[in-house]
Amino acid sequence: QAGAAPTAGITRLWAAAAAVVVMVIEALVPAVPFAAIVAMNAVLFGFWGGWLISWIGGMIGAAAAFFMARVLGRSRVEQFLRNRGLTGYEERLKEHGFVVLLVSRFIPGVNSVISYLAGLSPAPFITFILSTAVGLVPWITLFVCVGQAALTWRAHGALLGAGALLVLLYRFVQRRRPVGNT
């Protein structure tokens, strides 16, 4: 029985490493569901373990997508994303770098795409990675709470708090957006 503890620890470490790799894949492939992976990380590793694994994997994946875009170039990235209307986003990014990247992280369903678009833009990597570090926090927190709620009903207060935070952030962003911009 004494030999079982180190084996369990090693298995858990490999599981955590695999979960980080899955988060990296999520960041590189826009079709992979971010919310489901983060919630599953919370189920498997608990609130803080799932949160940290998701954040680390999300950061590594975002950086990888950013640099892939820089290496592959516009035509290949546009082909991969199937979206040629990047000019408006790029203009806003040039003017308001950090804020545009941060606010973009709050738009559901475009998390992976933002990293590629930022890689195509002249945005400095430090601006991109700092906005990503901050921008991932509310989404990861929300979906970790969802994963924890799947295990226990005690997490509902945290889930409601995370949801309220997202609503407040959305309203703040909407008020700061100039009239006429969509």
N, C-alpha and C. Protein backbone atom coordinates (compact mmCIF):
# COMPACT_ATOMS: atom_id res chain seq x y z
N GLN A 1 0.82 -1.20 0.00
CA GLN A 1 0.00 0.00 0.00
C GLN A 1 0.87 1.27 0.00
N ALA A 2 2.03 1.21 0.62
CA ALA A 2 2.89 2.39 0.70
C ALA A 2 3.39 2.81 -0.68
N GLY A 3 3.58 1.85 -1.60
CA GLY A 3 4.06 2.15 -2.94
C GLY A 3 3.01 2.77 -3.84
N ALA A 4 1.74 2.72 -3.44
CA ALA A 4 0.67 3.23 -4.29
C ALA A 4 0.64 4.75 -4.36
N ALA A 5 1.03 5.42 -3.28
CA ALA A 5 0.96 6.88 -3.25
C ALA A 5 1.84 7.54 -4.31
N PRO A 6 3.13 7.17 -4.47
CA PRO A 6 3.93 7.80 -5.51
C PRO A 6 3.38 7.54 -6.92
N THR A 7 2.86 6.35 -7.15
CA THR A 7 2.30 6.03 -8.46
C THR A 7 1.08 6.91 -8.73
N ALA A 8 0.24 7.11 -7.73
CA ALA A 8 -0.93 7.96 -7.90
C ALA A 8 -0.51 9.40 -8.19
N GLY A 9 0.54 9.87 -7.52
CA GLY A 9 1.03 11.23 -7.75
C GLY A 9 1.57 11.41 -9.16
N ILE A 10 2.30 10.42 -9.64
CA ILE A 10 2.85 10.48 -11.00
C ILE A 10 1.72 10.44 -12.03
N THR A 11 0.73 9.59 -11.79
CA THR A 11 -0.41 9.50 -12.69
C THR A 11 -1.15 10.84 -12.73
N ARG A 12 -1.32 11.46 -11.59
CA ARG A 12 -2.01 12.76 -11.52
C ARG A 12 -1.20 13.84 -12.25
N LEU A 13 0.11 13.78 -12.15
CA LEU A 13 0.97 14.74 -12.84
C LEU A 13 0.84 14.58 -14.36
N TRP A 14 0.85 13.33 -14.83
CA TRP A 14 0.67 13.08 -16.26
C TRP A 14 -0.72 13.52 -16.73
N ALA A 15 -1.72 13.31 -15.90
CA ALA A 15 -3.08 13.74 -16.25
C ALA A 15 -3.13 15.27 -16.37
N ALA A 16 -2.47 15.95 -15.45
CA ALA A 16 -2.44 17.42 -15.51
C ALA A 16 -1.71 17.89 -16.77
N ALA A 17 -0.60 17.25 -17.08
CA ALA A 17 0.15 17.60 -18.30
C ALA A 17 -0.71 17.37 -19.54
N ALA A 18 -1.44 16.27 -19.57
CA ALA A 18 -2.33 15.98 -20.71
C ALA A 18 -3.43 17.03 -20.80
N ALA A 19 -3.95 17.48 -19.67
CA ALA A 19 -5.00 18.50 -19.67
C ALA A 19 -4.47 19.83 -20.20
N VAL A 20 -3.23 20.16 -19.87
CA VAL A 20 -2.61 21.38 -20.41
C VAL A 20 -2.49 21.25 -21.93
N VAL A 21 -2.06 20.09 -22.42
CA VAL A 21 -1.93 19.86 -23.87
C VAL A 21 -3.30 20.01 -24.55
N VAL A 22 -4.35 19.49 -23.93
CA VAL A 22 -5.69 19.63 -24.51
C VAL A 22 -6.08 21.11 -24.58
N MET A 23 -5.74 21.89 -23.57
CA MET A 23 -6.03 23.33 -23.60
C MET A 23 -5.23 24.03 -24.71
N VAL A 24 -4.01 23.60 -24.94
CA VAL A 24 -3.20 24.17 -26.02
C VAL A 24 -3.87 23.86 -27.36
N ILE A 25 -4.31 22.62 -27.53
CA ILE A 25 -5.01 22.24 -28.77
C ILE A 25 -6.26 23.08 -28.95
N GLU A 26 -6.99 23.32 -27.87
CA GLU A 26 -8.19 24.15 -27.93
C GLU A 26 -7.85 25.54 -28.45
N ALA A 27 -6.73 26.09 -28.01
CA ALA A 27 -6.34 27.43 -28.43
C ALA A 27 -5.92 27.47 -29.90
N LEU A 28 -5.43 26.35 -30.41
CA LEU A 28 -4.97 26.30 -31.80
C LEU A 28 -6.06 25.95 -32.80
N VAL A 29 -7.09 25.27 -32.34
CA VAL A 29 -8.16 24.80 -33.24
C VAL A 29 -9.47 25.45 -32.79
N PRO A 30 -9.95 26.44 -33.53
CA PRO A 30 -11.14 27.18 -33.11
C PRO A 30 -12.38 26.34 -32.84
N ALA A 31 -12.49 25.17 -33.42
CA ALA A 31 -13.70 24.36 -33.27
C ALA A 31 -13.76 23.58 -31.95
N VAL A 32 -12.66 23.49 -31.23
CA VAL A 32 -12.63 22.73 -29.98
C VAL A 32 -13.31 23.56 -28.88
N PRO A 33 -14.24 22.97 -28.11
CA PRO A 33 -15.04 23.73 -27.14
C PRO A 33 -14.30 24.09 -25.84
N PHE A 34 -13.95 25.35 -25.71
CA PHE A 34 -13.24 25.88 -24.55
C PHE A 34 -13.99 25.60 -23.25
N ALA A 35 -15.28 25.93 -23.22
CA ALA A 35 -16.07 25.80 -21.99
C ALA A 35 -16.09 24.38 -21.47
N ALA A 36 -16.29 23.41 -22.34
CA ALA A 36 -16.36 22.01 -21.92
C ALA A 36 -15.03 21.52 -21.36
N ILE A 37 -13.95 21.94 -21.97
CA ILE A 37 -12.63 21.49 -21.52
C ILE A 37 -12.30 22.09 -20.14
N VAL A 38 -12.58 23.37 -19.97
CA VAL A 38 -12.32 24.02 -18.69
C VAL A 38 -13.19 23.40 -17.60
N ALA A 39 -14.46 23.17 -17.88
CA ALA A 39 -15.35 22.54 -16.89
C ALA A 39 -14.85 21.15 -16.53
N MET A 40 -14.40 20.40 -17.52
CA MET A 40 -13.88 19.05 -17.24
C MET A 40 -12.61 19.12 -16.40
N ASN A 41 -11.76 20.10 -16.65
CA ASN A 41 -10.56 20.27 -15.82
C ASN A 41 -10.94 20.49 -14.36
N ALA A 42 -12.01 21.26 -14.13
CA ALA A 42 -12.47 21.50 -12.76
C ALA A 42 -12.99 20.22 -12.13
N VAL A 43 -13.68 19.41 -12.91
CA VAL A 43 -14.20 18.14 -12.40
C VAL A 43 -13.03 17.23 -12.03
N LEU A 44 -12.02 17.18 -12.88
CA LEU A 44 -10.90 16.26 -12.67
C LEU A 44 -9.90 16.74 -11.62
N PHE A 45 -9.68 18.06 -11.54
CA PHE A 45 -8.59 18.56 -10.70
C PHE A 45 -9.03 19.52 -9.60
N GLY A 46 -10.34 19.71 -9.44
CA GLY A 46 -10.83 20.62 -8.42
C GLY A 46 -10.82 22.06 -8.93
N PHE A 47 -11.35 22.96 -8.11
CA PHE A 47 -11.49 24.35 -8.53
C PHE A 47 -10.14 24.96 -8.89
N TRP A 48 -9.22 25.03 -7.94
CA TRP A 48 -7.94 25.71 -8.18
C TRP A 48 -7.04 24.95 -9.14
N GLY A 49 -7.00 23.62 -9.02
CA GLY A 49 -6.20 22.83 -9.95
C GLY A 49 -6.71 22.96 -11.37
N GLY A 50 -8.03 22.85 -11.55
CA GLY A 50 -8.63 23.01 -12.87
C GLY A 50 -8.44 24.40 -13.42
N TRP A 51 -8.54 25.39 -12.54
CA TRP A 51 -8.35 26.78 -12.95
C TRP A 51 -6.92 27.00 -13.44
N LEU A 52 -5.95 26.57 -12.65
CA LEU A 52 -4.54 26.79 -13.01
C LEU A 52 -4.15 26.03 -14.28
N ILE A 53 -4.57 24.79 -14.40
CA ILE A 53 -4.28 24.00 -15.60
C ILE A 53 -4.89 24.66 -16.83
N SER A 54 -6.11 25.13 -16.71
CA SER A 54 -6.78 25.78 -17.84
C SER A 54 -6.09 27.08 -18.22
N TRP A 55 -5.69 27.86 -17.24
CA TRP A 55 -5.03 29.14 -17.52
C TRP A 55 -3.67 28.92 -18.15
N ILE A 56 -2.88 28.01 -17.61
CA ILE A 56 -1.55 27.74 -18.17
C ILE A 56 -1.68 27.23 -19.61
N GLY A 57 -2.56 26.26 -19.82
CA GLY A 57 -2.76 25.73 -21.17
C GLY A 57 -3.28 26.78 -22.12
N GLY A 58 -4.20 27.62 -21.64
CA GLY A 58 -4.73 28.69 -22.48
C GLY A 58 -3.66 29.70 -22.87
N MET A 59 -2.78 30.03 -21.94
CA MET A 59 -1.70 30.98 -22.21
C MET A 59 -0.70 30.40 -23.21
N ILE A 60 -0.30 29.15 -23.01
CA ILE A 60 0.65 28.51 -23.93
C ILE A 60 0.04 28.40 -25.32
N GLY A 61 -1.23 27.99 -25.38
CA GLY A 61 -1.91 27.84 -26.66
C GLY A 61 -2.08 29.18 -27.38
N ALA A 62 -2.44 30.22 -26.64
CA ALA A 62 -2.60 31.54 -27.24
C ALA A 62 -1.28 32.04 -27.81
N ALA A 63 -0.19 31.86 -27.05
CA ALA A 63 1.13 32.27 -27.54
C ALA A 63 1.52 31.47 -28.79
N ALA A 64 1.21 30.19 -28.79
CA ALA A 64 1.53 29.35 -29.95
C ALA A 64 0.76 29.82 -31.18
N ALA A 65 -0.53 30.13 -31.02
CA ALA A 65 -1.34 30.61 -32.15
C ALA A 65 -0.82 31.97 -32.65
N PHE A 66 -0.45 32.83 -31.74
CA PHE A 66 0.10 34.15 -32.09
C PHE A 66 1.34 33.98 -32.97
N PHE A 67 2.27 33.13 -32.53
CA PHE A 67 3.51 32.94 -33.29
C PHE A 67 3.30 32.14 -34.57
N MET A 68 2.34 31.23 -34.56
CA MET A 68 2.01 30.52 -35.80
C MET A 68 1.54 31.49 -36.87
N ALA A 69 0.72 32.45 -36.47
CA ALA A 69 0.24 33.45 -37.43
C ALA A 69 1.40 34.28 -37.95
N ARG A 70 2.33 34.63 -37.08
CA ARG A 70 3.48 35.42 -37.52
C ARG A 70 4.34 34.63 -38.50
N VAL A 71 4.49 33.33 -38.27
CA VAL A 71 5.33 32.49 -39.13
C VAL A 71 4.61 32.13 -40.43
N LEU A 72 3.34 31.74 -40.33
CA LEU A 72 2.60 31.29 -41.52
C LEU A 72 2.21 32.44 -42.44
N GLY A 73 1.90 33.57 -41.89
CA GLY A 73 1.52 34.71 -42.71
C GLY A 73 0.03 34.80 -42.97
N ARG A 74 -0.36 35.96 -43.50
CA ARG A 74 -1.76 36.31 -43.69
C ARG A 74 -2.53 35.32 -44.56
N SER A 75 -2.03 34.96 -45.73
CA SER A 75 -2.82 34.13 -46.65
C SER A 75 -3.13 32.77 -46.05
N ARG A 76 -2.18 32.17 -45.39
CA ARG A 76 -2.43 30.86 -44.78
C ARG A 76 -3.35 30.95 -43.58
N VAL A 77 -3.19 31.96 -42.77
CA VAL A 77 -4.06 32.12 -41.60
C VAL A 77 -5.49 32.44 -42.04
N GLU A 78 -5.65 33.32 -43.02
CA GLU A 78 -6.98 33.63 -43.53
C GLU A 78 -7.65 32.38 -44.09
N GLN A 79 -6.87 31.58 -44.80
CA GLN A 79 -7.41 30.33 -45.35
C GLN A 79 -7.84 29.40 -44.21
N PHE A 80 -7.03 29.31 -43.18
CA PHE A 80 -7.34 28.46 -42.03
C PHE A 80 -8.59 28.96 -41.30
N LEU A 81 -8.69 30.26 -41.13
CA LEU A 81 -9.82 30.84 -40.39
C LEU A 81 -11.03 31.06 -41.28
N ARG A 82 -10.84 31.00 -42.58
CA ARG A 82 -11.92 31.24 -43.55
C ARG A 82 -12.58 32.60 -43.33
N ASN A 83 -11.76 33.60 -43.08
CA ASN A 83 -12.29 34.93 -42.81
C ASN A 83 -11.35 35.96 -43.42
N ARG A 84 -11.80 36.67 -44.40
CA ARG A 84 -10.94 37.66 -45.06
C ARG A 84 -11.24 39.09 -44.61
N GLY A 85 -12.21 39.30 -43.77
CA GLY A 85 -12.57 40.65 -43.33
C GLY A 85 -11.83 41.07 -42.08
N LEU A 86 -10.53 41.14 -42.13
CA LEU A 86 -9.72 41.42 -40.93
C LEU A 86 -9.36 42.89 -40.79
N THR A 87 -9.59 43.69 -41.81
CA THR A 87 -9.11 45.06 -41.82
C THR A 87 -9.66 45.89 -40.66
N GLY A 88 -10.95 45.83 -40.40
CA GLY A 88 -11.54 46.61 -39.31
C GLY A 88 -10.95 46.27 -37.96
N TYR A 89 -10.76 44.99 -37.73
CA TYR A 89 -10.19 44.55 -36.46
C TYR A 89 -8.76 45.04 -36.34
N GLU A 90 -8.01 44.94 -37.42
CA GLU A 90 -6.61 45.37 -37.39
C GLU A 90 -6.48 46.86 -37.12
N GLU A 91 -7.37 47.66 -37.72
CA GLU A 91 -7.33 49.11 -37.50
C GLU A 91 -7.58 49.44 -36.03
N ARG A 92 -8.57 48.79 -35.44
CA ARG A 92 -8.86 49.02 -34.01
C ARG A 92 -7.69 48.57 -33.14
N LEU A 93 -7.08 47.46 -33.54
CA LEU A 93 -5.94 46.92 -32.79
C LEU A 93 -4.76 47.89 -32.84
N LYS A 94 -4.53 48.50 -33.98
CA LYS A 94 -3.44 49.48 -34.10
C LYS A 94 -3.66 50.67 -33.17
N GLU A 95 -4.91 51.11 -33.10
CA GLU A 95 -5.23 52.29 -32.29
C GLU A 95 -5.26 52.02 -30.79
N HIS A 96 -5.84 50.88 -30.40
CA HIS A 96 -6.13 50.63 -28.98
C HIS A 96 -5.62 49.29 -28.49
N GLY A 97 -4.58 48.74 -29.06
CA GLY A 97 -3.97 47.46 -28.75
C GLY A 97 -4.50 46.66 -27.58
N PHE A 98 -4.05 46.97 -26.37
CA PHE A 98 -4.38 46.19 -25.18
C PHE A 98 -5.88 46.12 -24.95
N VAL A 99 -6.56 47.25 -25.05
CA VAL A 99 -8.00 47.30 -24.77
C VAL A 99 -8.77 46.43 -25.78
N VAL A 100 -8.44 46.54 -27.05
CA VAL A 100 -9.13 45.75 -28.08
C VAL A 100 -8.89 44.26 -27.83
N LEU A 101 -7.66 43.88 -27.53
CA LEU A 101 -7.36 42.47 -27.27
C LEU A 101 -8.09 41.98 -26.02
N LEU A 102 -8.08 42.78 -24.98
CA LEU A 102 -8.75 42.39 -23.74
C LEU A 102 -10.25 42.25 -23.94
N VAL A 103 -10.87 43.24 -24.55
CA VAL A 103 -12.32 43.19 -24.78
C VAL A 103 -12.67 42.02 -25.70
N SER A 104 -11.83 41.76 -26.69
CA SER A 104 -12.07 40.63 -27.60
C SER A 104 -12.11 39.30 -26.86
N ARG A 105 -11.37 39.18 -25.81
CA ARG A 105 -11.36 37.94 -25.03
C ARG A 105 -12.72 37.69 -24.36
N PHE A 106 -13.53 38.74 -24.23
CA PHE A 106 -14.84 38.59 -23.59
C PHE A 106 -15.95 38.22 -24.56
N ILE A 107 -15.63 38.12 -25.84
CA ILE A 107 -16.63 37.75 -26.83
C ILE A 107 -16.68 36.22 -26.92
N PRO A 108 -17.83 35.64 -26.62
CA PRO A 108 -17.92 34.18 -26.64
C PRO A 108 -17.64 33.60 -28.02
N GLY A 109 -16.90 32.51 -28.05
CA GLY A 109 -16.69 31.76 -29.27
C GLY A 109 -15.57 32.22 -30.18
N VAL A 110 -14.87 33.30 -29.84
CA VAL A 110 -13.79 33.78 -30.71
C VAL A 110 -12.42 33.75 -30.04
N ASN A 111 -12.34 33.12 -28.90
CA ASN A 111 -11.10 33.11 -28.13
C ASN A 111 -9.91 32.65 -28.95
N SER A 112 -10.03 31.56 -29.67
CA SER A 112 -8.91 31.03 -30.46
C SER A 112 -8.56 31.94 -31.62
N VAL A 113 -9.56 32.48 -32.28
CA VAL A 113 -9.35 33.31 -33.46
C VAL A 113 -8.57 34.58 -33.11
N ILE A 114 -8.82 35.14 -31.93
CA ILE A 114 -8.17 36.39 -31.52
C ILE A 114 -6.65 36.24 -31.54
N SER A 115 -6.15 35.11 -31.10
CA SER A 115 -4.70 34.90 -31.04
C SER A 115 -4.09 34.94 -32.43
N TYR A 116 -4.76 34.32 -33.38
CA TYR A 116 -4.27 34.34 -34.76
C TYR A 116 -4.32 35.76 -35.34
N LEU A 117 -5.42 36.45 -35.12
CA LEU A 117 -5.56 37.82 -35.63
C LEU A 117 -4.50 38.74 -35.02
N ALA A 118 -4.26 38.59 -33.74
CA ALA A 118 -3.24 39.41 -33.09
C ALA A 118 -1.86 39.10 -33.66
N GLY A 119 -1.61 37.84 -33.99
CA GLY A 119 -0.33 37.47 -34.59
C GLY A 119 -0.12 38.09 -35.95
N LEU A 120 -1.20 38.34 -36.68
CA LEU A 120 -1.10 38.98 -37.99
C LEU A 120 -0.92 40.49 -37.89
N SER A 121 -1.29 41.04 -36.76
CA SER A 121 -1.26 42.49 -36.58
C SER A 121 0.14 42.93 -36.12
N PRO A 122 0.36 44.22 -36.12
CA PRO A 122 1.65 44.72 -35.60
C PRO A 122 1.69 44.79 -34.07
N ALA A 123 0.68 44.27 -33.40
CA ALA A 123 0.64 44.32 -31.93
C ALA A 123 1.88 43.64 -31.34
N PRO A 124 2.51 44.28 -30.37
CA PRO A 124 3.66 43.64 -29.71
C PRO A 124 3.21 42.41 -28.91
N PHE A 125 4.07 41.41 -28.83
CA PHE A 125 3.75 40.19 -28.11
C PHE A 125 3.42 40.48 -26.65
N ILE A 126 4.12 41.39 -26.02
CA ILE A 126 3.89 41.67 -24.60
C ILE A 126 2.48 42.22 -24.39
N THR A 127 2.00 43.06 -25.28
CA THR A 127 0.63 43.58 -25.19
C THR A 127 -0.37 42.44 -25.33
N PHE A 128 -0.11 41.58 -26.31
CA PHE A 128 -0.99 40.43 -26.55
C PHE A 128 -1.04 39.50 -25.33
N ILE A 129 0.11 39.13 -24.80
CA ILE A 129 0.14 38.12 -23.74
C ILE A 129 -0.42 38.68 -22.43
N LEU A 130 -0.19 39.96 -22.15
CA LEU A 130 -0.77 40.55 -20.94
C LEU A 130 -2.29 40.65 -21.03
N SER A 131 -2.81 41.06 -22.19
CA SER A 131 -4.26 41.12 -22.35
C SER A 131 -4.88 39.74 -22.29
N THR A 132 -4.17 38.74 -22.80
CA THR A 132 -4.65 37.36 -22.75
C THR A 132 -4.66 36.87 -21.30
N ALA A 133 -3.60 37.16 -20.56
CA ALA A 133 -3.52 36.73 -19.16
C ALA A 133 -4.70 37.25 -18.35
N VAL A 134 -5.06 38.50 -18.57
CA VAL A 134 -6.19 39.11 -17.86
C VAL A 134 -7.52 38.63 -18.44
N GLY A 135 -7.61 38.58 -19.76
CA GLY A 135 -8.86 38.24 -20.43
C GLY A 135 -9.34 36.81 -20.22
N LEU A 136 -8.42 35.89 -19.97
CA LEU A 136 -8.81 34.50 -19.72
C LEU A 136 -9.42 34.29 -18.33
N VAL A 137 -9.09 35.14 -17.40
CA VAL A 137 -9.50 34.96 -16.00
C VAL A 137 -11.02 34.81 -15.82
N PRO A 138 -11.85 35.74 -16.32
CA PRO A 138 -13.29 35.58 -16.06
C PRO A 138 -13.89 34.34 -16.71
N TRP A 139 -13.48 34.03 -17.95
CA TRP A 139 -14.04 32.85 -18.63
C TRP A 139 -13.63 31.57 -17.92
N ILE A 140 -12.37 31.46 -17.57
CA ILE A 140 -11.91 30.25 -16.89
C ILE A 140 -12.62 30.13 -15.55
N THR A 141 -12.74 31.23 -14.83
CA THR A 141 -13.42 31.20 -13.54
C THR A 141 -14.87 30.76 -13.70
N LEU A 142 -15.56 31.31 -14.68
CA LEU A 142 -16.95 30.95 -14.92
C LEU A 142 -17.09 29.45 -15.22
N PHE A 143 -16.28 28.93 -16.13
CA PHE A 143 -16.44 27.54 -16.55
C PHE A 143 -15.88 26.54 -15.54
N VAL A 144 -14.93 26.98 -14.72
CA VAL A 144 -14.50 26.13 -13.60
C VAL A 144 -15.64 26.01 -12.60
N CYS A 145 -16.35 27.11 -12.37
CA CYS A 145 -17.52 27.07 -11.49
C CYS A 145 -18.59 26.13 -12.04
N VAL A 146 -18.78 26.16 -13.34
CA VAL A 146 -19.74 25.24 -13.97
C VAL A 146 -19.32 23.80 -13.73
N GLY A 147 -18.03 23.52 -13.90
CA GLY A 147 -17.52 22.17 -13.65
C GLY A 147 -17.70 21.76 -12.20
N GLN A 148 -17.45 22.66 -11.30
CA GLN A 148 -17.63 22.36 -9.88
C GLN A 148 -19.11 22.18 -9.54
N ALA A 149 -19.97 22.97 -10.19
CA ALA A 149 -21.41 22.83 -9.96
C ALA A 149 -21.90 21.47 -10.41
N ALA A 150 -21.23 20.90 -11.39
CA ALA A 150 -21.61 19.55 -11.85
C ALA A 150 -21.35 18.53 -10.74
N LEU A 151 -20.41 18.84 -9.86
CA LEU A 151 -20.07 17.93 -8.76
C LEU A 151 -20.90 18.21 -7.51
N THR A 152 -21.17 19.48 -7.27
CA THR A 152 -21.87 19.86 -6.05
C THR A 152 -22.68 21.13 -6.26
N TRP A 153 -23.76 21.26 -5.54
CA TRP A 153 -24.60 22.45 -5.68
C TRP A 153 -24.06 23.61 -4.88
N ARG A 154 -23.03 23.41 -4.07
CA ARG A 154 -22.46 24.50 -3.26
C ARG A 154 -21.79 25.58 -4.10
N ALA A 155 -21.47 25.26 -5.32
CA ALA A 155 -20.75 26.22 -6.17
C ALA A 155 -21.67 27.24 -6.83
N HIS A 156 -22.97 27.15 -6.61
CA HIS A 156 -23.89 28.07 -7.28
C HIS A 156 -23.61 29.53 -6.94
N GLY A 157 -23.26 29.81 -5.72
CA GLY A 157 -22.95 31.20 -5.35
C GLY A 157 -21.77 31.72 -6.14
N ALA A 158 -20.73 30.92 -6.29
CA ALA A 158 -19.56 31.32 -7.08
C ALA A 158 -19.93 31.46 -8.54
N LEU A 159 -20.76 30.58 -9.04
CA LEU A 159 -21.19 30.63 -10.44
C LEU A 159 -21.99 31.91 -10.69
N LEU A 160 -22.90 32.23 -9.80
CA LEU A 160 -23.68 33.46 -9.95
C LEU A 160 -22.78 34.69 -9.87
N GLY A 161 -21.82 34.65 -8.98
CA GLY A 161 -20.87 35.77 -8.87
C GLY A 161 -20.06 35.94 -10.13
N ALA A 162 -19.58 34.85 -10.71
CA ALA A 162 -18.81 34.92 -11.96
C ALA A 162 -19.68 35.42 -13.09
N GLY A 163 -20.91 34.96 -13.15
CA GLY A 163 -21.84 35.43 -14.18
C GLY A 163 -22.13 36.92 -14.04
N ALA A 164 -22.33 37.36 -12.81
CA ALA A 164 -22.58 38.78 -12.57
C ALA A 164 -21.38 39.62 -12.98
N LEU A 165 -20.17 39.12 -12.71
CA LEU A 165 -18.95 39.82 -13.12
C LEU A 165 -18.90 39.97 -14.64
N LEU A 166 -19.23 38.93 -15.37
CA LEU A 166 -19.23 39.00 -16.83
C LEU A 166 -20.26 40.01 -17.34
N VAL A 167 -21.43 40.05 -16.72
CA VAL A 167 -22.47 41.01 -17.12
C VAL A 167 -21.97 42.44 -16.87
N LEU A 168 -21.36 42.68 -15.72
CA LEU A 168 -20.85 44.01 -15.41
C LEU A 168 -19.74 44.42 -16.38
N LEU A 169 -18.85 43.50 -16.71
CA LEU A 169 -17.79 43.80 -17.68
C LEU A 169 -18.38 44.12 -19.05
N TYR A 170 -19.37 43.38 -19.46
CA TYR A 170 -20.03 43.62 -20.75
C TYR A 170 -20.65 45.02 -20.77
N ARG A 171 -21.34 45.37 -19.70
CA ARG A 171 -21.98 46.70 -19.64
C ARG A 171 -20.94 47.81 -19.65
N PHE A 172 -19.84 47.59 -18.95
CA PHE A 172 -18.76 48.57 -18.92
C PHE A 172 -18.20 48.79 -20.33
N VAL A 173 -17.96 47.70 -21.03
CA VAL A 173 -17.41 47.78 -22.39
C VAL A 173 -18.40 48.47 -23.32
N GLN A 174 -19.68 48.15 -23.20
CA GLN A 174 -20.70 48.76 -24.06
C GLN A 174 -20.76 50.27 -23.83
N ARG A 175 -20.62 50.72 -22.62
CA ARG A 175 -20.68 52.16 -22.32
C ARG A 175 -19.46 52.89 -22.85
N ARG A 176 -18.33 52.22 -22.92
CA ARG A 176 -17.10 52.85 -23.37
C ARG A 176 -16.95 52.84 -24.89
N ARG A 177 -17.75 52.04 -25.57
CA ARG A 177 -17.70 51.94 -27.03
C ARG A 177 -18.32 53.20 -27.64
N PRO A 178 -17.61 53.84 -28.58
CA PRO A 178 -18.17 55.03 -29.24
C PRO A 178 -19.46 54.68 -30.00
N VAL A 179 -20.37 55.64 -30.06
CA VAL A 179 -21.64 55.45 -30.76
C VAL A 179 -21.36 55.23 -32.24
N GLY A 180 -22.06 54.26 -32.84
CA GLY A 180 -21.91 53.98 -34.26
C GLY A 180 -20.98 52.82 -34.55
N ASN A 181 -20.16 52.39 -33.59
CA ASN A 181 -19.29 51.23 -33.78
C ASN A 181 -20.04 49.96 -33.44
N THR A 182 -19.81 48.91 -34.21
CA THR A 182 -20.44 47.64 -33.91
C THR A 182 -19.41 46.63 -33.55
